[in-house]
Amino acid sequence: MINWKNLDTLASFEKLNSLEKVNLACAMSGEEGAERVKKYTAPMGADMDFNYGARAVNDEILCAMKELSEEAQLAAKFEALYNGEVINTGEKRLVMHHMTRGQLGEDVVVDGVNKREFYLEQQKKFTDLANKIHAGEITNAAGEKFTTVVQIGIGGSDLGPRAMYLALENWAKVNGYFKMKAEFISNVDPDDAAAVLKNIDVAHSIFVLVSKSGTTLETLTNESFVKDALKNAGLDASKHMVAVTSETSPLAKSPDYLAAFFMDDYIGGRYSSTSAVGGVVLSLAFGPKVFECFLAGAHEADEIAKEKDLFKNPAMLDAVIGVYERNVLGYENTAVLPYSQALSRFPAHLQQLDMESNGKSVNRFGEPVNYSTGPVIFGEP
């Protein structure tokens, strides 16, 4: 049986607090430092490794972290998540974003709908759209191909997809996968939309409106701005726009869109990049095959996250080290500094993922906690 206890009530956390801290400057110097780098490494799939040699840990601390992961039942809780138990207690919802890239456990059926099959159906629909646009089967009014895709969204409908596009853009150009230029409109400040529209040919652009509810004020405001630009160019906006929304939103069956692709309440906005929220724009920009490869990589990472051995599970290990750094060492901030320019928006995406998820002042029962629940995430290349 799974128990949900506050961090400061766990015996293993008390033990972690009692252990002598690591002098990292000394530990990373000379031959000892070189050995740490070799020793403290965990494979994370795709021929990449997670190295934690530069974190303030040693064998004794890591052993206590293993005890913490077991006492907190982290592996069992992740298993409950991917098998469809209600994890989001605030809204009484399942957490299903992993299902957009593969199935980790049992079938999850809600109201007679198999969730994996539902997400696959949406992927098939936007794959078909992308293929038809690339083949010139769907064109503008003049019978000319679309050359640009513009995503209109805010928060998770922008940060993740934008980070993914920028990460892959130059790679796609070099390797022959680049299909269409992508732009993003997010800020409700009209200068944002104006700057994007100034740099594109609206007659050869298709717009992706992303709003789960179909009522997001900032997104609909930007949509109106775009529709005015299309109208002023003598174009029928409904022939230049598709929607990503929920089946119950006012956008779902609206004649204002070429097509609508659906998400549901079990995918939080910040986790939605592998759903239609990221899938439509990336499939149009790079082709459906590239997006499928991205999903395969995400699923591989999900599979590794099932590993019960802490030291073979880099996602869990990094999380527990993060708890130690915040709640034992007192580190208030985490800087994310990618060396690759292609990852320029990754820190902003990670900032939302981490801080919106972990920056809570209450536990899952709504009771206040008396300890910090996450660091401030910041950074850029």
Protein backbone atom coordinates (compact mmCIF):
# COMPACT_ATOMS: atom_id res chain seq x y z
CA MET A 1 0.00 0.00 0.00
CA ILE A 2 1.29 3.44 -0.92
CA ASN A 3 1.67 5.97 1.88
CA TRP A 4 1.99 9.70 1.29
CA LYS A 5 4.07 11.30 4.03
CA ASN A 6 5.70 14.69 4.39
CA LEU A 7 9.44 14.73 3.73
CA ASP A 8 10.33 15.85 7.23
CA THR A 9 8.59 12.84 8.80
CA LEU A 10 10.79 10.26 7.03
CA ALA A 11 13.54 8.59 9.04
CA SER A 12 15.79 8.44 5.99
CA PHE A 13 15.52 12.20 5.55
CA GLU A 14 16.54 12.72 9.17
CA LYS A 15 19.53 10.47 8.50
CA LEU A 16 20.47 12.50 5.41
CA ASN A 17 20.41 15.63 7.53
CA SER A 18 22.81 14.10 10.04
CA LEU A 19 25.55 13.06 7.62
CA GLU A 20 28.76 15.03 7.18
CA LYS A 21 28.67 17.28 4.13
CA VAL A 22 31.03 16.89 1.18
CA ASN A 23 33.76 19.45 0.53
CA LEU A 24 33.16 19.53 -3.21
CA ALA A 25 36.24 21.60 -4.06
CA CYS A 26 38.46 18.97 -2.48
CA ALA A 27 36.45 16.05 -3.83
CA MET A 28 36.71 17.32 -7.41
CA SER A 29 40.45 18.01 -7.33
CA GLY A 30 43.25 15.82 -8.65
CA GLU A 31 42.90 12.11 -9.31
CA GLU A 32 40.00 11.82 -6.87
CA GLY A 33 37.96 14.24 -8.97
CA ALA A 34 38.70 12.31 -12.15
CA GLU A 35 37.57 9.09 -10.47
CA ARG A 36 34.35 10.75 -9.25
CA VAL A 37 33.45 11.74 -12.79
CA LYS A 38 33.93 8.15 -13.98
CA LYS A 39 32.20 6.57 -11.01
CA TYR A 40 29.17 8.78 -10.55
CA THR A 41 27.51 8.19 -13.91
CA ALA A 42 24.19 6.61 -14.91
CA PRO A 43 23.08 5.76 -18.48
CA MET A 44 20.03 7.76 -19.57
CA GLY A 45 19.36 6.32 -23.03
CA ALA A 46 20.22 7.52 -26.55
CA ASP A 47 23.94 6.95 -25.80
CA MET A 48 23.86 9.72 -23.20
CA ASP A 49 24.92 9.61 -19.57
CA PHE A 50 23.80 11.47 -16.47
CA ASN A 51 26.92 12.51 -14.57
CA TYR A 52 26.56 13.63 -10.97
CA GLY A 53 30.22 13.70 -9.97
CA ALA A 54 30.08 17.48 -9.52
CA ARG A 55 27.19 17.24 -7.07
CA ALA A 56 27.91 17.37 -3.33
CA VAL A 57 27.44 13.64 -2.67
CA ASN A 58 29.55 10.67 -1.66
CA ASP A 59 28.88 6.96 -1.20
CA GLU A 60 27.48 7.39 2.31
CA ILE A 61 25.11 10.17 1.25
CA LEU A 62 24.03 8.24 -1.84
CA CYS A 63 23.26 5.19 0.30
CA ALA A 64 21.01 7.35 2.48
CA MET A 65 19.38 8.75 -0.66
CA LYS A 66 18.59 5.20 -1.75
CA GLU A 67 16.92 4.63 1.62
CA LEU A 68 14.94 7.84 1.13
CA SER A 69 13.73 6.78 -2.31
CA GLU A 70 12.58 3.45 -0.89
CA GLU A 71 10.94 4.87 2.23
CA ALA A 72 9.14 7.47 0.10
CA GLN A 73 8.05 4.66 -2.27
CA LEU A 74 9.05 6.66 -5.32
CA ALA A 75 9.10 3.72 -7.75
CA ALA A 76 5.70 2.50 -6.57
CA LYS A 77 4.23 5.98 -6.90
CA PHE A 78 5.49 6.32 -10.46
CA GLU A 79 4.01 2.91 -11.24
CA ALA A 80 0.67 4.06 -9.84
CA LEU A 81 0.87 7.14 -12.06
CA TYR A 82 1.46 5.28 -15.32
CA ASN A 83 -1.16 2.66 -14.49
CA GLY A 84 -3.85 5.32 -14.27
CA GLU A 85 -4.37 6.06 -10.59
CA VAL A 86 -5.51 9.56 -9.62
CA ILE A 87 -2.31 11.47 -8.85
CA ASN A 88 -3.54 15.05 -9.27
CA THR A 89 -5.64 15.13 -6.11
CA GLY A 90 -6.34 18.85 -6.35
CA GLU A 91 -8.38 18.35 -9.53
CA LYS A 92 -8.99 14.59 -9.07
CA ARG A 93 -7.32 13.76 -12.37
CA LEU A 94 -5.07 11.12 -13.83
CA VAL A 95 -1.65 12.16 -15.16
CA MET A 96 -1.29 10.80 -18.69
CA HIS A 97 1.31 12.77 -20.67
CA HIS A 98 3.55 9.69 -20.89
CA MET A 99 0.78 7.94 -22.86
CA THR A 100 1.32 10.35 -25.76
CA ARG A 101 4.64 8.64 -26.52
CA GLY A 102 4.06 5.04 -25.42
CA GLN A 103 2.45 2.74 -22.88
CA LEU A 104 4.41 1.86 -19.75
CA GLY A 105 1.97 -0.45 -18.00
CA GLU A 106 -1.66 -1.44 -18.03
CA ASP A 107 -4.33 -0.18 -20.42
CA VAL A 108 -5.92 2.98 -19.02
CA VAL A 109 -9.59 3.31 -19.97
CA VAL A 110 -11.63 6.34 -18.89
CA ASP A 111 -15.34 6.63 -19.73
CA GLY A 112 -14.91 3.81 -22.22
CA VAL A 113 -11.97 5.47 -23.98
CA ASN A 114 -8.56 3.80 -24.13
CA LYS A 115 -6.23 6.75 -23.53
CA ARG A 116 -3.29 5.41 -25.51
CA GLU A 117 -5.53 4.77 -28.52
CA PHE A 118 -7.03 8.26 -28.18
CA TYR A 119 -3.61 9.94 -28.28
CA LEU A 120 -2.51 7.75 -31.20
CA GLU A 121 -5.66 8.72 -33.10
CA GLN A 122 -4.81 12.41 -32.71
CA GLN A 123 -1.23 11.76 -33.79
CA LYS A 124 -2.48 9.97 -36.90
CA LYS A 125 -4.74 12.92 -37.73
CA PHE A 126 -2.04 15.59 -37.52
CA THR A 127 0.43 13.31 -39.31
CA ASP A 128 -2.05 13.11 -42.18
CA LEU A 129 -2.45 16.91 -42.20
CA ALA A 130 1.30 17.48 -42.26
CA ASN A 131 1.83 14.99 -45.08
CA LYS A 132 -0.91 16.60 -47.17
CA ILE A 133 0.46 20.10 -46.62
CA HIS A 134 4.00 19.01 -47.50
CA ALA A 135 2.72 17.22 -50.62
CA GLY A 136 0.73 20.26 -51.73
CA GLU A 137 -2.62 18.51 -51.33
CA ILE A 138 -3.69 21.22 -48.88
CA THR A 139 -2.70 24.68 -50.10
CA ASN A 140 -3.63 28.32 -49.80
CA ALA A 141 -6.39 29.87 -51.92
CA ALA A 142 -3.99 30.38 -54.81
CA GLY A 143 -3.05 26.71 -54.85
CA GLU A 144 0.41 27.47 -53.48
CA LYS A 145 2.19 25.56 -50.72
CA PHE A 146 2.34 26.81 -47.16
CA THR A 147 5.92 27.64 -46.20
CA THR A 148 5.53 28.85 -42.61
CA VAL A 149 3.71 27.57 -39.53
CA VAL A 150 2.92 29.91 -36.62
CA GLN A 151 1.91 28.57 -33.21
CA ILE A 152 -0.36 30.79 -31.10
CA GLY A 153 -0.38 29.75 -27.45
CA ILE A 154 0.76 30.68 -23.97
CA GLY A 155 2.60 28.93 -21.14
CA GLY A 156 2.99 25.23 -21.85
CA SER A 157 1.46 25.72 -25.29
CA ASP A 158 4.49 27.85 -26.17
CA LEU A 159 7.51 27.10 -23.96
CA GLY A 160 7.91 23.38 -24.68
CA PRO A 161 7.11 23.40 -28.41
CA ARG A 162 9.30 26.49 -28.95
CA ALA A 163 12.20 24.90 -27.06
CA MET A 164 11.83 21.71 -29.10
CA TYR A 165 11.69 23.57 -32.41
CA LEU A 166 14.78 25.64 -31.65
CA ALA A 167 16.64 22.55 -30.46
CA LEU A 168 16.02 20.74 -33.75
CA GLU A 169 15.93 23.57 -36.30
CA ASN A 170 19.59 23.65 -37.40
CA TRP A 171 19.91 19.86 -37.15
CA ALA A 172 16.89 19.50 -39.45
CA LYS A 173 18.36 21.93 -41.97
CA VAL A 174 21.71 20.14 -42.04
CA ASN A 175 20.16 16.68 -42.34
CA GLY A 176 17.47 17.45 -44.89
CA TYR A 177 14.42 17.29 -42.62
CA PHE A 178 13.50 20.97 -42.62
CA LYS A 179 10.03 21.43 -44.17
CA MET A 180 8.60 24.73 -42.94
CA LYS A 181 9.81 27.64 -40.87
CA ALA A 182 8.07 27.93 -37.49
CA GLU A 183 7.28 31.09 -35.54
CA PHE A 184 5.57 31.49 -32.18
CA ILE A 185 3.19 34.13 -30.82
CA SER A 186 2.72 34.04 -27.06
CA ASN A 187 2.83 37.44 -25.38
CA VAL A 188 -0.50 39.27 -25.23
CA ASP A 189 1.46 42.47 -25.94
CA PRO A 190 0.48 43.19 -29.58
CA ASP A 191 4.10 43.99 -30.37
CA ASP A 192 4.84 40.25 -30.16
CA ALA A 193 2.30 39.30 -32.82
CA ALA A 194 3.15 42.35 -34.92
CA ALA A 195 6.84 41.44 -34.98
CA VAL A 196 6.09 37.88 -36.12
CA LEU A 197 3.56 38.93 -38.76
CA LYS A 198 5.95 41.52 -40.15
CA ASN A 199 8.54 38.83 -40.87
CA ILE A 200 6.29 36.28 -42.59
CA ASP A 201 4.18 36.04 -45.71
CA VAL A 202 0.71 35.46 -44.26
CA ALA A 203 -0.56 34.17 -47.62
CA HIS A 204 1.80 31.21 -47.30
CA SER A 205 1.39 30.69 -43.55
CA ILE A 206 -0.72 28.28 -41.54
CA PHE A 207 -1.53 29.12 -37.92
CA VAL A 208 -1.91 26.64 -35.05
CA LEU A 209 -4.16 27.95 -32.27
CA VAL A 210 -3.58 26.09 -29.00
CA SER A 211 -6.06 26.39 -26.13
CA LYS A 212 -7.32 23.39 -24.17
CA SER A 213 -10.38 25.26 -22.90
CA GLY A 214 -10.91 27.28 -26.06
CA THR A 215 -11.38 30.34 -23.86
CA THR A 216 -7.78 31.37 -23.00
CA LEU A 217 -7.99 35.17 -23.17
CA GLU A 218 -4.39 35.86 -24.19
CA THR A 219 -4.47 33.24 -26.94
CA LEU A 220 -7.82 34.35 -28.33
CA THR A 221 -6.65 37.98 -28.29
CA ASN A 222 -3.66 37.04 -30.42
CA GLU A 223 -5.90 34.96 -32.68
CA SER A 224 -8.03 38.05 -33.34
CA PHE A 225 -4.89 40.00 -34.20
CA VAL A 226 -3.86 37.30 -36.68
CA LYS A 227 -7.34 37.05 -38.19
CA ASP A 228 -7.34 40.81 -38.80
CA ALA A 229 -4.00 40.49 -40.59
CA LEU A 230 -5.34 37.69 -42.78
CA LYS A 231 -8.52 39.63 -43.54
CA ASN A 232 -6.53 42.74 -44.43
CA ALA A 233 -4.54 40.61 -46.87
CA GLY A 234 -7.78 39.48 -48.51
CA LEU A 235 -7.51 35.95 -47.13
CA ASP A 236 -10.06 33.59 -45.59
CA ALA A 237 -8.74 32.95 -42.07
CA SER A 238 -10.54 29.61 -41.82
CA LYS A 239 -8.32 28.28 -44.62
CA HIS A 240 -5.17 29.25 -42.74
CA MET A 241 -5.88 28.04 -39.19
CA VAL A 242 -6.05 24.76 -37.28
CA ALA A 243 -6.87 24.30 -33.59
CA VAL A 244 -5.45 22.15 -30.81
CA THR A 245 -8.04 22.00 -28.05
CA SER A 246 -10.28 19.68 -26.02
CA GLU A 247 -13.27 17.88 -27.47
CA THR A 248 -15.62 19.93 -25.29
CA SER A 249 -14.22 23.38 -26.12
CA PRO A 250 -16.02 25.89 -28.37
CA LEU A 251 -13.18 25.49 -30.89
CA ALA A 252 -13.71 21.75 -31.37
CA LYS A 253 -16.38 21.91 -34.08
CA SER A 254 -15.97 25.51 -35.16
CA PRO A 255 -16.01 26.18 -38.92
CA ASP A 256 -13.23 28.73 -38.34
CA TYR A 257 -10.54 26.04 -38.63
CA LEU A 258 -9.27 23.68 -41.29
CA ALA A 259 -9.00 20.94 -38.66
CA ALA A 260 -9.07 20.40 -34.90
CA PHE A 261 -6.82 18.06 -32.90
CA PHE A 262 -7.65 17.09 -29.36
CA MET A 263 -5.99 16.83 -25.99
CA ASP A 264 -7.68 16.12 -22.66
CA ASP A 265 -7.66 17.11 -19.00
CA TYR A 266 -5.14 14.39 -18.15
CA ILE A 267 -2.25 16.23 -19.82
CA GLY A 268 -1.06 19.32 -17.98
CA GLY A 269 -0.04 22.22 -20.19
CA ARG A 270 3.61 22.14 -19.14
CA TYR A 271 3.79 18.43 -20.04
CA SER A 272 1.93 18.72 -23.34
CA SER A 273 4.82 18.99 -25.81
CA THR A 274 4.55 15.33 -26.85
CA SER A 275 0.80 15.66 -27.46
CA ALA A 276 -0.84 17.51 -30.35
CA VAL A 277 0.32 20.74 -28.66
CA GLY A 278 3.86 20.07 -29.85
CA GLY A 279 3.08 17.44 -32.44
CA VAL A 280 1.25 19.61 -34.95
CA VAL A 281 3.85 22.38 -35.19
CA LEU A 282 6.84 20.01 -35.14
CA SER A 283 5.33 17.65 -37.71
CA LEU A 284 4.70 20.60 -40.00
CA ALA A 285 8.16 22.06 -39.42
CA PHE A 286 10.26 18.90 -39.68
CA GLY A 287 7.93 16.15 -40.90
CA PRO A 288 6.03 13.50 -38.91
CA LYS A 289 8.98 11.07 -38.91
CA VAL A 290 11.12 13.47 -36.90
CA PHE A 291 8.34 13.91 -34.36
CA GLU A 292 7.93 10.14 -34.15
CA CYS A 293 11.65 9.82 -33.38
CA PHE A 294 11.29 12.47 -30.69
CA LEU A 295 8.44 10.47 -29.15
CA ALA A 296 10.54 7.31 -29.27
CA GLY A 297 13.31 9.05 -27.36
CA ALA A 298 10.87 10.35 -24.76
CA HIS A 299 9.41 6.85 -24.36
CA GLU A 300 12.89 5.40 -23.89
CA ALA A 301 13.46 7.90 -21.07
CA ASP A 302 10.08 6.94 -19.58
CA GLU A 303 11.05 3.26 -19.62
CA ILE A 304 14.31 3.98 -17.81
CA ALA A 305 12.34 5.97 -15.22
CA LYS A 306 10.54 2.72 -14.29
CA GLU A 307 13.81 1.26 -12.99
CA LYS A 308 13.52 0.54 -9.26
CA ASP A 309 17.28 0.74 -8.63
CA LEU A 310 17.96 4.39 -7.84
CA PHE A 311 21.42 4.29 -9.40
CA LYS A 312 20.07 2.98 -12.72
CA ASN A 313 17.28 5.57 -12.79
CA PRO A 314 18.82 9.00 -13.56
CA ALA A 315 15.48 10.83 -13.39
CA MET A 316 14.77 9.58 -9.87
CA LEU A 317 18.38 10.03 -8.79
CA ASP A 318 18.49 13.64 -9.98
CA ALA A 319 15.21 14.30 -8.17
CA VAL A 320 16.49 12.91 -4.87
CA ILE A 321 19.77 14.80 -5.20
CA GLY A 322 17.67 17.90 -5.83
CA VAL A 323 15.76 17.33 -2.59
CA TYR A 324 19.05 16.94 -0.74
CA GLU A 325 20.46 20.14 -2.24
CA ARG A 326 17.34 22.17 -1.42
CA ASN A 327 16.33 20.76 1.93
CA VAL A 328 19.64 19.71 3.48
CA LEU A 329 22.28 21.90 1.86
CA GLY A 330 19.91 24.87 1.59
CA TYR A 331 20.55 25.67 -2.07
CA GLU A 332 17.78 28.09 -3.06
CA ASN A 333 18.56 28.36 -6.78
CA THR A 334 19.49 26.10 -9.66
CA ALA A 335 21.18 27.60 -12.72
CA VAL A 336 20.68 25.75 -16.01
CA LEU A 337 23.38 26.86 -18.44
CA PRO A 338 23.31 24.91 -21.73
CA TYR A 339 26.44 25.15 -23.84
CA SER A 340 24.43 24.58 -27.01
CA GLN A 341 22.70 27.59 -28.54
CA ALA A 342 20.09 25.17 -29.86
CA LEU A 343 18.99 24.70 -26.24
CA SER A 344 18.45 28.44 -25.73
CA ARG A 345 14.82 28.02 -24.59
CA PHE A 346 15.34 24.80 -22.66
CA PRO A 347 15.94 26.60 -19.32
CA ALA A 348 12.61 28.44 -19.64
CA HIS A 349 10.82 25.18 -20.45
CA LEU A 350 12.51 23.42 -17.52
CA GLN A 351 11.73 26.37 -15.26
CA GLN A 352 8.01 25.90 -15.88
CA LEU A 353 8.18 22.11 -15.58
CA ASP A 354 10.01 22.17 -12.27
CA MET A 355 8.72 25.25 -10.51
CA GLU A 356 5.06 24.87 -11.45
CA SER A 357 5.17 21.21 -10.43
CA ASN A 358 7.23 21.38 -7.24
CA GLY A 359 6.79 24.91 -5.96
CA LYS A 360 3.89 24.09 -3.67
CA SER A 361 3.22 25.33 -0.15
CA VAL A 362 0.91 22.43 0.73
CA ASN A 363 1.04 18.64 0.49
CA ARG A 364 -1.31 16.51 -1.62
CA PHE A 365 -3.95 16.73 1.12
CA GLY A 366 -3.95 20.53 1.08
CA GLU A 367 -2.08 20.78 4.38
CA PRO A 368 0.66 23.43 4.71
CA VAL A 369 4.25 22.15 4.81
CA ASN A 370 6.97 23.77 6.88
CA TYR A 371 9.87 23.14 4.51
CA SER A 372 10.91 24.35 1.07
CA THR A 373 9.50 22.39 -1.85
CA GLY A 374 11.74 23.39 -4.74
CA PRO A 375 14.43 25.80 -5.94
CA VAL A 376 14.22 28.77 -8.27
CA ILE A 377 15.23 27.59 -11.75
CA PHE A 378 16.90 30.09 -14.07
CA GLY A 379 19.48 30.29 -16.84
CA GLU A 380 20.29 30.69 -20.52
CA PRO A 381 23.25 29.86 -22.79
